[in-house]
Amino acid sequence: HPEFADRKTTKNVDGVPTTGWFASDFTLREIKTLRAKQTFPERPQQFNHRFQVPTLQEVIDLAQRASKREGRTIGIYPETKHPTLHRQLGLPLERRLVRVLNRNGLDKKSSPVFIQSFEQSNLKQLNTMTKVRLVQLVDANDTDENGDPTYAPPFDRPYDWTVSGNPELQSRTFGYFATDAGLDEVRTYADGIGPWKVYIVGTFGGQVVKTTDLVQRAHARGLLVHTWTFRSEQSRLADDYGGNPINEYLQFYELGVDGVFSDFPDDAFAARELFWLN
């Protein structure tokens, strides 16, 4: 797409200079000339360039058609990406998102929708704008030899904390959300947490080092726990799972998680069926 070569630019994304092409610099008509592409080179490439980049409305339409076809409810799980950045660009996400959900009748606590975000202030805002369930995402940069999360920008804290001017927020990391005080705070504006897997099963050097009680402590406060991201390639599995991704799912299901994000949903479902059978 040489016609878009001049759109390449550098922007400050969550405090980190990032060079590339940004959706905010394109019209929807222009984005519709692009096609989706598999970004992991080791994965099948046969579907590259066959599908457009969908709008939220098109995703909702797909979920509703599939629900009718399959005879079961299929929900959606939008994430507000970089809400502080988009607010700085004059493109706030919250009202537009709520408007689309409301237009489709997805405006109740029981609606098959979760909204997730790594930032806190926009979830607090959404809590005043919609009844659908909200999930606080919890990130980190890596783990140490004890299997505990480590932090470095931009994966150290919600960016709205970084720019808040509040020294207390600026001194915290994402790890605050995994503390009892953090969970108590989350329950005042959200329905669950979405922690990176290492907050539940700590790994280091390809080995499982520890498990935590985060799921139990979240459940004690009425919070759901949806963890991410499960991938089936051998290079992404801890040695403890013996090369079988099903074993990783089973460990997390046994620890009580309420949901998982997976690049391989067939494996996630197969493990869930096996878990229920046992």
C-alpha atoms as a PDB file:
ATOM      1  CA  HIS A   1       0.000   0.000   0.000  1.00  0.00           C
ATOM      2  CA  PRO A   2       2.399   2.719  -1.181  1.00  0.00           C
ATOM      3  CA  GLU A   3      -0.454   5.227  -0.966  1.00  0.00           C
ATOM      4  CA  PHE A   4      -0.147   5.053   2.825  1.00  0.00           C
ATOM      5  CA  ALA A   5       3.656   5.273   3.052  1.00  0.00           C
ATOM      6  CA  ASP A   6       3.528   8.872   4.250  1.00  0.00           C
ATOM      7  CA  ARG A   7       1.273   7.929   7.168  1.00  0.00           C
ATOM      8  CA  LYS A   8       4.155   6.231   8.964  1.00  0.00           C
ATOM      9  CA  THR A   9       4.924   8.267  12.033  1.00  0.00           C
ATOM     10  CA  THR A  10       6.179   8.147  15.615  1.00  0.00           C
ATOM     11  CA  LYS A  11       3.811   8.705  18.517  1.00  0.00           C
ATOM     12  CA  ASN A  12       4.117   8.501  22.266  1.00  0.00           C
ATOM     13  CA  VAL A  13       2.138   5.381  23.199  1.00  0.00           C
ATOM     14  CA  ASP A  14       1.841   4.990  26.963  1.00  0.00           C
ATOM     15  CA  GLY A  15       5.090   6.867  27.422  1.00  0.00           C
ATOM     16  CA  VAL A  16       7.066   4.893  24.831  1.00  0.00           C
ATOM     17  CA  PRO A  17       7.952   6.369  21.404  1.00  0.00           C
ATOM     18  CA  THR A  18       6.383   4.002  18.879  1.00  0.00           C
ATOM     19  CA  THR A  19       6.871   4.140  15.124  1.00  0.00           C
ATOM     20  CA  GLY A  20       4.315   2.729  12.739  1.00  0.00           C
ATOM     21  CA  TRP A  21       0.869   3.295  11.276  1.00  0.00           C
ATOM     22  CA  PHE A  22      -1.987   4.311  13.588  1.00  0.00           C
ATOM     23  CA  ALA A  23      -5.693   3.712  13.039  1.00  0.00           C
ATOM     24  CA  SER A  24      -6.400   7.254  14.237  1.00  0.00           C
ATOM     25  CA  ASP A  25      -4.665   8.596  11.105  1.00  0.00           C
ATOM     26  CA  PHE A  26      -6.944   6.672   8.720  1.00  0.00           C
ATOM     27  CA  THR A  27     -10.574   6.874   7.686  1.00  0.00           C
ATOM     28  CA  LEU A  28     -12.744   3.771   7.886  1.00  0.00           C
ATOM     29  CA  ARG A  29     -12.903   3.720   4.099  1.00  0.00           C
ATOM     30  CA  GLU A  30      -9.107   3.563   3.982  1.00  0.00           C
ATOM     31  CA  ILE A  31      -8.907   0.851   6.626  1.00  0.00           C
ATOM     32  CA  LYS A  32     -11.403  -1.216   4.619  1.00  0.00           C
ATOM     33  CA  THR A  33      -8.876  -1.368   1.767  1.00  0.00           C
ATOM     34  CA  LEU A  34      -6.550  -3.356   4.053  1.00  0.00           C
ATOM     35  CA  ARG A  35      -6.776  -7.067   4.816  1.00  0.00           C
ATOM     36  CA  ALA A  36      -6.067  -9.030   7.972  1.00  0.00           C
ATOM     37  CA  LYS A  37      -2.776 -10.953   8.184  1.00  0.00           C
ATOM     38  CA  GLN A  38      -1.430 -13.575  10.589  1.00  0.00           C
ATOM     39  CA  THR A  39       1.314 -11.886  12.598  1.00  0.00           C
ATOM     40  CA  PHE A  40       2.922 -15.081  13.960  1.00  0.00           C
ATOM     41  CA  PRO A  41       5.118 -16.457  11.151  1.00  0.00           C
ATOM     42  CA  GLU A  42       5.065 -19.999  12.568  1.00  0.00           C
ATOM     43  CA  ARG A  43       1.278 -20.206  12.258  1.00  0.00           C
ATOM     44  CA  PRO A  44      -0.770 -21.072   9.131  1.00  0.00           C
ATOM     45  CA  GLN A  45      -0.801 -18.259   6.604  1.00  0.00           C
ATOM     46  CA  GLN A  46      -3.491 -19.462   4.191  1.00  0.00           C
ATOM     47  CA  PHE A  47      -6.087 -16.982   5.398  1.00  0.00           C
ATOM     48  CA  ASN A  48      -3.906 -13.898   4.924  1.00  0.00           C
ATOM     49  CA  HIS A  49      -5.530 -11.055   2.964  1.00  0.00           C
ATOM     50  CA  ARG A  50      -8.904 -12.848   2.736  1.00  0.00           C
ATOM     51  CA  PHE A  51     -10.718 -10.819   5.377  1.00  0.00           C
ATOM     52  CA  GLN A  52     -11.279  -7.131   5.975  1.00  0.00           C
ATOM     53  CA  VAL A  53     -10.601  -5.444   9.301  1.00  0.00           C
ATOM     54  CA  PRO A  54     -14.070  -5.537  10.917  1.00  0.00           C
ATOM     55  CA  THR A  55     -15.890  -2.746  12.704  1.00  0.00           C
ATOM     56  CA  LEU A  56     -17.398  -3.370  16.130  1.00  0.00           C
ATOM     57  CA  GLN A  57     -20.838  -3.464  14.535  1.00  0.00           C
ATOM     58  CA  GLU A  58     -19.675  -6.178  12.134  1.00  0.00           C
ATOM     59  CA  VAL A  59     -18.335  -8.214  15.070  1.00  0.00           C
ATOM     60  CA  ILE A  60     -21.679  -7.853  16.867  1.00  0.00           C
ATOM     61  CA  ASP A  61     -23.542  -8.923  13.718  1.00  0.00           C
ATOM     62  CA  LEU A  62     -21.277 -11.977  13.395  1.00  0.00           C
ATOM     63  CA  ALA A  63     -21.847 -12.967  17.041  1.00  0.00           C
ATOM     64  CA  GLN A  64     -25.610 -12.638  16.683  1.00  0.00           C
ATOM     65  CA  ARG A  65     -25.724 -14.660  13.442  1.00  0.00           C
ATOM     66  CA  ALA A  66     -23.554 -17.366  14.980  1.00  0.00           C
ATOM     67  CA  SER A  67     -25.732 -17.447  18.102  1.00  0.00           C
ATOM     68  CA  LYS A  68     -28.808 -18.181  15.998  1.00  0.00           C
ATOM     69  CA  ARG A  69     -26.981 -20.760  13.895  1.00  0.00           C
ATOM     70  CA  GLU A  70     -25.462 -22.613  16.861  1.00  0.00           C
ATOM     71  CA  GLY A  71     -28.451 -22.294  19.166  1.00  0.00           C
ATOM     72  CA  ARG A  72     -26.417 -20.818  22.004  1.00  0.00           C
ATOM     73  CA  THR A  73     -25.374 -17.384  23.189  1.00  0.00           C
ATOM     74  CA  ILE A  74     -22.107 -16.071  21.767  1.00  0.00           C
ATOM     75  CA  GLY A  75     -20.940 -12.849  23.366  1.00  0.00           C
ATOM     76  CA  ILE A  76     -18.418 -10.126  22.609  1.00  0.00           C
ATOM     77  CA  TYR A  77     -15.489  -8.896  24.683  1.00  0.00           C
ATOM     78  CA  PRO A  78     -14.296  -5.476  23.463  1.00  0.00           C
ATOM     79  CA  GLU A  79     -11.213  -3.819  24.928  1.00  0.00           C
ATOM     80  CA  THR A  80     -10.724  -0.082  25.133  1.00  0.00           C
ATOM     81  CA  LYS A  81      -7.196   0.167  23.765  1.00  0.00           C
ATOM     82  CA  HIS A  82      -5.026   3.028  25.061  1.00  0.00           C
ATOM     83  CA  PRO A  83      -7.951   5.209  26.230  1.00  0.00           C
ATOM     84  CA  THR A  84      -5.683   7.969  27.535  1.00  0.00           C
ATOM     85  CA  LEU A  85      -3.903   8.216  24.169  1.00  0.00           C
ATOM     86  CA  HIS A  86      -7.183   8.393  22.285  1.00  0.00           C
ATOM     87  CA  ARG A  87      -8.520  11.015  24.656  1.00  0.00           C
ATOM     88  CA  GLN A  88      -5.358  13.058  24.023  1.00  0.00           C
ATOM     89  CA  LEU A  89      -5.983  12.690  20.284  1.00  0.00           C
ATOM     90  CA  GLY A  90      -9.513  14.014  20.687  1.00  0.00           C
ATOM     91  CA  LEU A  91     -10.969  10.564  19.983  1.00  0.00           C
ATOM     92  CA  PRO A  92     -12.381   9.374  23.329  1.00  0.00           C
ATOM     93  CA  LEU A  93     -13.593   5.786  23.134  1.00  0.00           C
ATOM     94  CA  GLU A  94     -16.127   5.425  25.903  1.00  0.00           C
ATOM     95  CA  ARG A  95     -19.224   7.185  24.579  1.00  0.00           C
ATOM     96  CA  ARG A  96     -18.847   5.729  21.087  1.00  0.00           C
ATOM     97  CA  LEU A  97     -18.517   2.226  22.496  1.00  0.00           C
ATOM     98  CA  VAL A  98     -21.572   2.591  24.723  1.00  0.00           C
ATOM     99  CA  ARG A  99     -23.586   4.058  21.855  1.00  0.00           C
ATOM    100  CA  VAL A 100     -22.931   1.021  19.648  1.00  0.00           C
ATOM    101  CA  LEU A 101     -23.787  -1.393  22.470  1.00  0.00           C
ATOM    102  CA  ASN A 102     -27.013   0.449  23.273  1.00  0.00           C
ATOM    103  CA  ARG A 103     -28.042   0.508  19.616  1.00  0.00           C
ATOM    104  CA  ASN A 104     -27.811  -3.294  19.595  1.00  0.00           C
ATOM    105  CA  GLY A 105     -29.710  -3.802  22.834  1.00  0.00           C
ATOM    106  CA  LEU A 106     -26.510  -4.756  24.672  1.00  0.00           C
ATOM    107  CA  ASP A 107     -27.052  -2.444  27.594  1.00  0.00           C
ATOM    108  CA  LYS A 108     -27.944  -4.696  30.524  1.00  0.00           C
ATOM    109  CA  LYS A 109     -25.991  -6.443  33.249  1.00  0.00           C
ATOM    110  CA  SER A 110     -27.133  -9.721  31.715  1.00  0.00           C
ATOM    111  CA  SER A 111     -26.050  -8.799  28.182  1.00  0.00           C
ATOM    112  CA  PRO A 112     -23.433 -11.149  26.710  1.00  0.00           C
ATOM    113  CA  VAL A 113     -20.759  -8.468  26.872  1.00  0.00           C
ATOM    114  CA  PHE A 114     -17.633  -7.756  28.879  1.00  0.00           C
ATOM    115  CA  ILE A 115     -15.646  -4.536  28.423  1.00  0.00           C
ATOM    116  CA  GLN A 116     -11.997  -4.795  29.427  1.00  0.00           C
ATOM    117  CA  SER A 117      -9.247  -2.222  29.851  1.00  0.00           C
ATOM    118  CA  PHE A 118      -5.737  -1.957  31.248  1.00  0.00           C
ATOM    119  CA  GLU A 119      -6.547   1.570  32.435  1.00  0.00           C
ATOM    120  CA  GLN A 120      -8.634   2.320  35.488  1.00  0.00           C
ATOM    121  CA  SER A 121     -10.154   5.758  34.993  1.00  0.00           C
ATOM    122  CA  ASN A 122     -11.960   4.829  31.804  1.00  0.00           C
ATOM    123  CA  LEU A 123     -13.466   1.746  33.498  1.00  0.00           C
ATOM    124  CA  LYS A 124     -14.667   3.993  36.312  1.00  0.00           C
ATOM    125  CA  GLN A 125     -16.193   6.289  33.686  1.00  0.00           C
ATOM    126  CA  LEU A 126     -17.823   3.371  31.872  1.00  0.00           C
ATOM    127  CA  ASN A 127     -19.265   2.184  35.189  1.00  0.00           C
ATOM    128  CA  THR A 128     -21.349   5.374  35.215  1.00  0.00           C
ATOM    129  CA  MET A 129     -22.375   5.010  31.557  1.00  0.00           C
ATOM    130  CA  THR A 130     -23.375   1.354  31.091  1.00  0.00           C
ATOM    131  CA  LYS A 131     -24.663  -1.623  33.046  1.00  0.00           C
ATOM    132  CA  VAL A 132     -22.625  -4.222  31.126  1.00  0.00           C
ATOM    133  CA  ARG A 133     -19.899  -6.049  33.005  1.00  0.00           C
ATOM    134  CA  LEU A 134     -16.425  -4.508  33.237  1.00  0.00           C
ATOM    135  CA  VAL A 135     -13.059  -6.201  33.717  1.00  0.00           C
ATOM    136  CA  GLN A 136      -9.822  -4.637  34.983  1.00  0.00           C
ATOM    137  CA  LEU A 137      -6.876  -6.043  33.038  1.00  0.00           C
ATOM    138  CA  VAL A 138      -3.650  -6.610  34.979  1.00  0.00           C
ATOM    139  CA  ASP A 139      -0.359  -6.565  33.083  1.00  0.00           C
ATOM    140  CA  ALA A 140       3.362  -6.952  33.843  1.00  0.00           C
ATOM    141  CA  ASN A 141       6.605  -6.985  31.883  1.00  0.00           C
ATOM    142  CA  ASP A 142       8.189 -10.328  32.834  1.00  0.00           C
ATOM    143  CA  THR A 143       8.804 -12.600  35.826  1.00  0.00           C
ATOM    144  CA  ASP A 144      11.750 -13.061  38.175  1.00  0.00           C
ATOM    145  CA  GLU A 145      13.337 -16.309  39.385  1.00  0.00           C
ATOM    146  CA  ASN A 146      10.613 -16.625  42.028  1.00  0.00           C
ATOM    147  CA  GLY A 147       7.901 -16.522  39.379  1.00  0.00           C
ATOM    148  CA  ASP A 148       6.755 -13.095  40.544  1.00  0.00           C
ATOM    149  CA  PRO A 149       5.794 -10.380  38.019  1.00  0.00           C
ATOM    150  CA  THR A 150       8.314  -7.671  37.198  1.00  0.00           C
ATOM    151  CA  TYR A 151       7.494  -4.233  35.839  1.00  0.00           C
ATOM    152  CA  ALA A 152       8.927  -1.889  33.217  1.00  0.00           C
ATOM    153  CA  PRO A 153       7.300   0.731  30.952  1.00  0.00           C
ATOM    154  CA  PRO A 154       4.868   0.506  29.309  1.00  0.00           C
ATOM    155  CA  PHE A 155       3.877  -2.602  31.275  1.00  0.00           C
ATOM    156  CA  ASP A 156       4.460  -1.149  34.724  1.00  0.00           C
ATOM    157  CA  ARG A 157       1.153   0.547  35.546  1.00  0.00           C
ATOM    158  CA  PRO A 158      -2.030   1.840  33.907  1.00  0.00           C
ATOM    159  CA  TYR A 159      -0.980   4.816  31.821  1.00  0.00           C
ATOM    160  CA  ASP A 160      -3.716   6.977  33.307  1.00  0.00           C
ATOM    161  CA  TRP A 161      -1.907   6.546  36.622  1.00  0.00           C
ATOM    162  CA  THR A 162       1.377   7.628  35.033  1.00  0.00           C
ATOM    163  CA  VAL A 163      -0.086  10.912  33.733  1.00  0.00           C
ATOM    164  CA  SER A 164      -2.387  11.490  36.707  1.00  0.00           C
ATOM    165  CA  GLY A 165      -0.050  13.772  38.652  1.00  0.00           C
ATOM    166  CA  ASN A 166      -1.009  11.749  41.740  1.00  0.00           C
ATOM    167  CA  PRO A 167       2.178  10.564  43.492  1.00  0.00           C
ATOM    168  CA  GLU A 168       0.372   7.639  45.130  1.00  0.00           C
ATOM    169  CA  LEU A 169      -0.885   6.286  41.802  1.00  0.00           C
ATOM    170  CA  GLN A 170       2.458   6.973  40.143  1.00  0.00           C
ATOM    171  CA  SER A 171       4.197   4.859  42.792  1.00  0.00           C
ATOM    172  CA  ARG A 172       1.996   1.810  42.188  1.00  0.00           C
ATOM    173  CA  THR A 173       2.417  -0.951  39.639  1.00  0.00           C
ATOM    174  CA  PHE A 174      -0.153  -3.251  38.052  1.00  0.00           C
ATOM    175  CA  GLY A 175       0.660  -5.580  40.948  1.00  0.00           C
ATOM    176  CA  TYR A 176      -1.494  -3.391  43.187  1.00  0.00           C
ATOM    177  CA  PHE A 177      -4.582  -4.920  41.577  1.00  0.00           C
ATOM    178  CA  ALA A 178      -3.496  -8.357  42.844  1.00  0.00           C
ATOM    179  CA  THR A 179      -3.356  -7.192  46.470  1.00  0.00           C
ATOM    180  CA  ASP A 180      -6.310  -7.359  48.828  1.00  0.00           C
ATOM    181  CA  ALA A 181      -6.558  -3.565  48.823  1.00  0.00           C
ATOM    182  CA  GLY A 182      -6.437  -3.491  45.036  1.00  0.00           C
ATOM    183  CA  LEU A 183      -9.137  -6.133  44.700  1.00  0.00           C
ATOM    184  CA  ASP A 184     -11.300  -4.225  47.165  1.00  0.00           C
ATOM    185  CA  GLU A 185     -10.903  -1.157  44.970  1.00  0.00           C
ATOM    186  CA  VAL A 186     -11.642  -2.990  41.726  1.00  0.00           C
ATOM    187  CA  ARG A 187     -14.925  -4.347  43.063  1.00  0.00           C
ATOM    188  CA  THR A 188     -16.222  -0.759  43.442  1.00  0.00           C
ATOM    189  CA  TYR A 189     -16.254  -0.182  39.665  1.00  0.00           C
ATOM    190  CA  ALA A 190     -15.759  -3.541  37.871  1.00  0.00           C
ATOM    191  CA  ASP A 191     -17.069  -7.082  37.866  1.00  0.00           C
ATOM    192  CA  GLY A 192     -13.814  -8.942  37.427  1.00  0.00           C
ATOM    193  CA  ILE A 193     -10.093  -8.907  36.832  1.00  0.00           C
ATOM    194  CA  GLY A 194      -8.186 -10.071  33.783  1.00  0.00           C
ATOM    195  CA  PRO A 195      -4.686 -10.886  35.048  1.00  0.00           C
ATOM    196  CA  TRP A 196      -1.817 -12.116  32.902  1.00  0.00           C
ATOM    197  CA  LYS A 197      -1.356 -15.823  33.622  1.00  0.00           C
ATOM    198  CA  VAL A 198       1.778 -15.352  35.733  1.00  0.00           C
ATOM    199  CA  TYR A 199      -0.279 -13.749  38.496  1.00  0.00           C
ATOM    200  CA  ILE A 200      -1.938 -17.157  38.957  1.00  0.00           C
ATOM    201  CA  VAL A 201       0.818 -19.586  37.900  1.00  0.00           C
ATOM    202  CA  GLY A 202       4.256 -18.034  38.162  1.00  0.00           C
ATOM    203  CA  THR A 203       6.833 -19.260  35.659  1.00  0.00           C
ATOM    204  CA  PHE A 204      10.507 -18.598  35.024  1.00  0.00           C
ATOM    205  CA  GLY A 205      12.914 -20.100  32.526  1.00  0.00           C
ATOM    206  CA  GLY A 206      10.270 -22.383  31.066  1.00  0.00           C
ATOM    207  CA  GLN A 207       9.351 -23.871  34.452  1.00  0.00           C
ATOM    208  CA  VAL A 208       6.338 -23.496  36.717  1.00  0.00           C
ATOM    209  CA  VAL A 209       7.706 -21.953  39.904  1.00  0.00           C
ATOM    210  CA  LYS A 210       4.614 -21.256  41.996  1.00  0.00           C
ATOM    211  CA  THR A 211       0.836 -20.999  42.127  1.00  0.00           C
ATOM    212  CA  THR A 212      -0.980 -18.205  43.955  1.00  0.00           C
ATOM    213  CA  ASP A 213      -4.269 -17.678  45.758  1.00  0.00           C
ATOM    214  CA  LEU A 214      -5.324 -14.730  43.565  1.00  0.00           C
ATOM    215  CA  VAL A 215      -8.358 -16.552  42.156  1.00  0.00           C
ATOM    216  CA  GLN A 216      -9.643 -17.432  45.615  1.00  0.00           C
ATOM    217  CA  ARG A 217      -9.123 -13.907  46.941  1.00  0.00           C
ATOM    218  CA  ALA A 218     -10.884 -12.384  43.917  1.00  0.00           C
ATOM    219  CA  HIS A 219     -13.795 -14.809  44.239  1.00  0.00           C
ATOM    220  CA  ALA A 220     -14.117 -13.960  47.917  1.00  0.00           C
ATOM    221  CA  ARG A 221     -14.880 -10.406  46.781  1.00  0.00           C
ATOM    222  CA  GLY A 222     -17.367 -11.476  44.123  1.00  0.00           C
ATOM    223  CA  LEU A 223     -14.977 -10.791  41.255  1.00  0.00           C
ATOM    224  CA  LEU A 224     -14.662 -12.959  38.157  1.00  0.00           C
ATOM    225  CA  VAL A 225     -11.195 -13.987  36.942  1.00  0.00           C
ATOM    226  CA  HIS A 226     -10.476 -14.189  33.209  1.00  0.00           C
ATOM    227  CA  THR A 227      -6.807 -14.863  32.433  1.00  0.00           C
ATOM    228  CA  TRP A 228      -4.741 -14.634  29.247  1.00  0.00           C
ATOM    229  CA  THR A 229      -3.284 -15.600  26.764  1.00  0.00           C
ATOM    230  CA  PHE A 230      -3.113 -19.355  26.146  1.00  0.00           C
ATOM    231  CA  ARG A 231      -1.094 -20.531  23.144  1.00  0.00           C
ATOM    232  CA  SER A 232      -0.450 -24.104  22.091  1.00  0.00           C
ATOM    233  CA  GLU A 233       2.992 -23.884  20.468  1.00  0.00           C
ATOM    234  CA  GLN A 234       5.641 -25.931  22.228  1.00  0.00           C
ATOM    235  CA  SER A 235       7.897 -22.885  22.568  1.00  0.00           C
ATOM    236  CA  ARG A 236       5.216 -21.110  24.613  1.00  0.00           C
ATOM    237  CA  LEU A 237       4.483 -23.926  27.055  1.00  0.00           C
ATOM    238  CA  ALA A 238       6.262 -24.474  30.343  1.00  0.00           C
ATOM    239  CA  ASP A 239       8.192 -27.740  30.449  1.00  0.00           C
ATOM    240  CA  ASP A 240       5.915 -28.944  33.254  1.00  0.00           C
ATOM    241  CA  TYR A 241       3.073 -29.465  30.785  1.00  0.00           C
ATOM    242  CA  GLY A 242       4.943 -32.170  28.876  1.00  0.00           C
ATOM    243  CA  GLY A 243       4.351 -30.529  25.516  1.00  0.00           C
ATOM    244  CA  ASN A 244       0.574 -30.876  25.883  1.00  0.00           C
ATOM    245  CA  PRO A 245      -1.337 -27.554  26.051  1.00  0.00           C
ATOM    246  CA  ILE A 246      -4.338 -29.335  27.587  1.00  0.00           C
ATOM    247  CA  ASN A 247      -2.320 -29.765  30.789  1.00  0.00           C
ATOM    248  CA  GLU A 248      -1.878 -26.012  31.131  1.00  0.00           C
ATOM    249  CA  TYR A 249      -5.603 -25.353  30.792  1.00  0.00           C
ATOM    250  CA  LEU A 250      -6.385 -28.089  33.305  1.00  0.00           C
ATOM    251  CA  GLN A 251      -4.111 -26.507  35.896  1.00  0.00           C
ATOM    252  CA  PHE A 252      -5.851 -23.139  35.542  1.00  0.00           C
ATOM    253  CA  TYR A 253      -9.330 -24.692  35.528  1.00  0.00           C
ATOM    254  CA  GLU A 254      -8.448 -26.572  38.710  1.00  0.00           C
ATOM    255  CA  LEU A 255      -7.333 -23.296  40.266  1.00  0.00           C
ATOM    256  CA  GLY A 256     -10.827 -21.950  39.608  1.00  0.00           C
ATOM    257  CA  VAL A 257     -10.511 -19.368  36.818  1.00  0.00           C
ATOM    258  CA  ASP A 258     -13.846 -18.320  35.308  1.00  0.00           C
ATOM    259  CA  GLY A 259     -12.598 -17.817  31.761  1.00  0.00           C
ATOM    260  CA  VAL A 260      -9.551 -17.850  29.527  1.00  0.00           C
ATOM    261  CA  PHE A 261      -8.389 -16.033  26.423  1.00  0.00           C
ATOM    262  CA  SER A 262      -6.897 -18.440  23.918  1.00  0.00           C
ATOM    263  CA  ASP A 263      -5.463 -18.317  20.412  1.00  0.00           C
ATOM    264  CA  PHE A 264      -6.483 -21.983  20.189  1.00  0.00           C
ATOM    265  CA  PRO A 265     -10.090 -22.209  21.418  1.00  0.00           C
ATOM    266  CA  ASP A 266     -10.390 -25.827  20.267  1.00  0.00           C
ATOM    267  CA  ASP A 267      -7.773 -26.769  22.861  1.00  0.00           C
ATOM    268  CA  ALA A 268      -9.467 -24.610  25.495  1.00  0.00           C
ATOM    269  CA  PHE A 269     -12.816 -26.333  24.879  1.00  0.00           C
ATOM    270  CA  ALA A 270     -11.289 -29.811  24.794  1.00  0.00           C
ATOM    271  CA  ALA A 271      -9.599 -29.189  28.145  1.00  0.00           C
ATOM    272  CA  ARG A 272     -12.824 -27.828  29.612  1.00  0.00           C
ATOM    273  CA  GLU A 273     -14.750 -30.921  28.536  1.00  0.00           C
ATOM    274  CA  LEU A 274     -12.069 -33.131  30.080  1.00  0.00           C
ATOM    275  CA  PHE A 275     -12.148 -31.073  33.283  1.00  0.00           C
ATOM    276  CA  TRP A 276     -15.920 -31.428  33.572  1.00  0.00           C
ATOM    277  CA  LEU A 277     -15.767 -35.164  32.926  1.00  0.00           C
ATOM    278  CA  ASN A 278     -13.312 -35.618  35.765  1.00  0.00           C
END
